[in-house]
Amino acid sequence: MTKKVVKLRAVKPTEDKPKGVDPNLLLTIAEFTAIMESYEAKAFAAVAVNEAGEVIDTWFTALPHCALIGGMDMMKNDYLMTSWMADQEDE
């Protein structure tokens, strides 16, 4: 199995709670697009979540099932580990 190209990282929301899409989120999407171009990505999966934690929508491109599920598992594990480490630092 190959190593991941990038690590999952949290994006802090803009302080003033703008109406609509958070500008920091838009910057992150632009970064994501640049990384996909740089590494010549052939597929992606995304989940949109609102402030209440409700999934608004999901998107994915054509990809072999095992690759998509493997990528989602990597993201889930990274997210859980990052959250766990942040909780440990708070204690």
Protein backbone atom coordinates (compact mmCIF):
# COMPACT_ATOMS: atom_id res chain seq x y z
CA MET A 1 0.00 0.00 0.00
CA THR A 2 1.30 3.46 -0.82
CA LYS A 3 1.62 6.29 1.65
CA LYS A 4 -0.87 9.13 1.64
CA VAL A 5 0.05 12.25 -0.24
CA VAL A 6 -1.47 14.73 2.22
CA LYS A 7 -2.61 14.62 5.82
CA LEU A 8 -6.11 15.46 6.99
CA ARG A 9 -6.19 18.84 8.71
CA ALA A 10 -8.89 20.87 10.35
CA VAL A 11 -9.97 24.20 8.88
CA LYS A 12 -11.04 26.72 11.47
CA PRO A 13 -14.19 28.69 10.60
CA THR A 14 -13.98 32.43 10.06
CA GLU A 15 -14.46 34.32 13.33
CA ASP A 16 -17.33 36.60 12.25
CA LYS A 17 -19.74 33.81 11.14
CA PRO A 18 -20.37 34.96 7.56
CA LYS A 19 -23.68 34.19 5.88
CA GLY A 20 -23.37 31.52 3.22
CA VAL A 21 -20.20 29.52 2.57
CA ASP A 22 -17.35 30.28 4.98
CA PRO A 23 -14.44 32.01 3.17
CA ASN A 24 -11.92 29.70 4.88
CA LEU A 25 -13.80 26.73 3.41
CA LEU A 26 -13.55 28.27 -0.07
CA LEU A 27 -9.78 28.72 0.38
CA THR A 28 -9.48 25.09 1.43
CA ILE A 29 -11.41 23.94 -1.64
CA ALA A 30 -9.03 25.97 -3.82
CA GLU A 31 -6.04 24.30 -2.09
CA PHE A 32 -7.66 20.90 -2.58
CA THR A 33 -8.15 21.61 -6.28
CA ALA A 34 -4.50 22.68 -6.63
CA ILE A 35 -3.32 19.48 -4.95
CA MET A 36 -5.54 17.38 -7.22
CA GLU A 37 -4.04 19.14 -10.26
CA SER A 38 -0.48 18.77 -8.98
CA TYR A 39 -0.82 15.03 -8.33
CA GLU A 40 -3.06 14.47 -11.36
CA ALA A 41 -5.93 13.05 -9.29
CA LYS A 42 -8.39 10.96 -11.24
CA ALA A 43 -11.20 10.87 -8.67
CA PHE A 44 -12.46 12.33 -5.41
CA ALA A 45 -15.20 11.93 -2.82
CA ALA A 46 -16.69 14.72 -0.72
CA VAL A 47 -19.27 15.21 2.01
CA ALA A 48 -20.97 18.53 2.81
CA VAL A 49 -22.02 18.97 6.45
CA ASN A 50 -23.87 21.90 8.02
CA GLU A 51 -23.17 23.52 11.41
CA ALA A 52 -25.53 21.06 13.17
CA GLY A 53 -23.49 18.12 11.84
CA GLU A 54 -26.14 17.03 9.34
CA VAL A 55 -24.91 15.65 6.02
CA ILE A 56 -26.27 17.96 3.32
CA ASP A 57 -25.00 16.10 0.27
CA THR A 58 -22.28 13.76 -0.95
CA TRP A 59 -20.37 13.52 -4.22
CA PHE A 60 -18.02 11.01 -5.74
CA THR A 61 -16.51 10.41 -9.13
CA ALA A 62 -16.15 7.13 -10.99
CA LEU A 63 -13.68 5.04 -9.06
CA PRO A 64 -13.22 1.35 -8.31
CA HIS A 65 -15.29 0.52 -5.21
CA CYS A 66 -12.33 -0.76 -3.19
CA ALA A 67 -10.32 2.43 -3.84
CA LEU A 68 -13.18 4.71 -2.80
CA ILE A 69 -13.96 2.73 0.36
CA GLY A 70 -10.25 2.52 1.20
CA GLY A 71 -9.91 6.29 0.84
CA MET A 72 -12.97 6.88 3.03
CA ASP A 73 -11.55 4.53 5.68
CA MET A 74 -8.23 6.40 5.66
CA MET A 75 -10.06 9.72 6.08
CA LYS A 76 -12.25 8.31 8.88
CA ASN A 77 -9.22 6.94 10.74
CA ASP A 78 -7.30 10.22 10.33
CA TYR A 79 -10.28 12.22 11.55
CA LEU A 80 -10.82 10.03 14.60
CA MET A 81 -7.11 10.03 15.49
CA THR A 82 -6.85 13.82 15.04
CA SER A 83 -9.93 14.34 17.24
CA TRP A 84 -8.61 11.93 19.87
CA MET A 85 -5.22 13.66 19.96
CA ALA A 86 -6.89 17.09 20.30
CA ASP A 87 -8.96 15.77 23.22
CA GLN A 88 -5.79 14.42 24.89
CA GLU A 89 -4.10 17.82 24.57
CA ASP A 90 -7.11 19.54 26.17
CA GLU A 91 -6.93 17.34 29.28
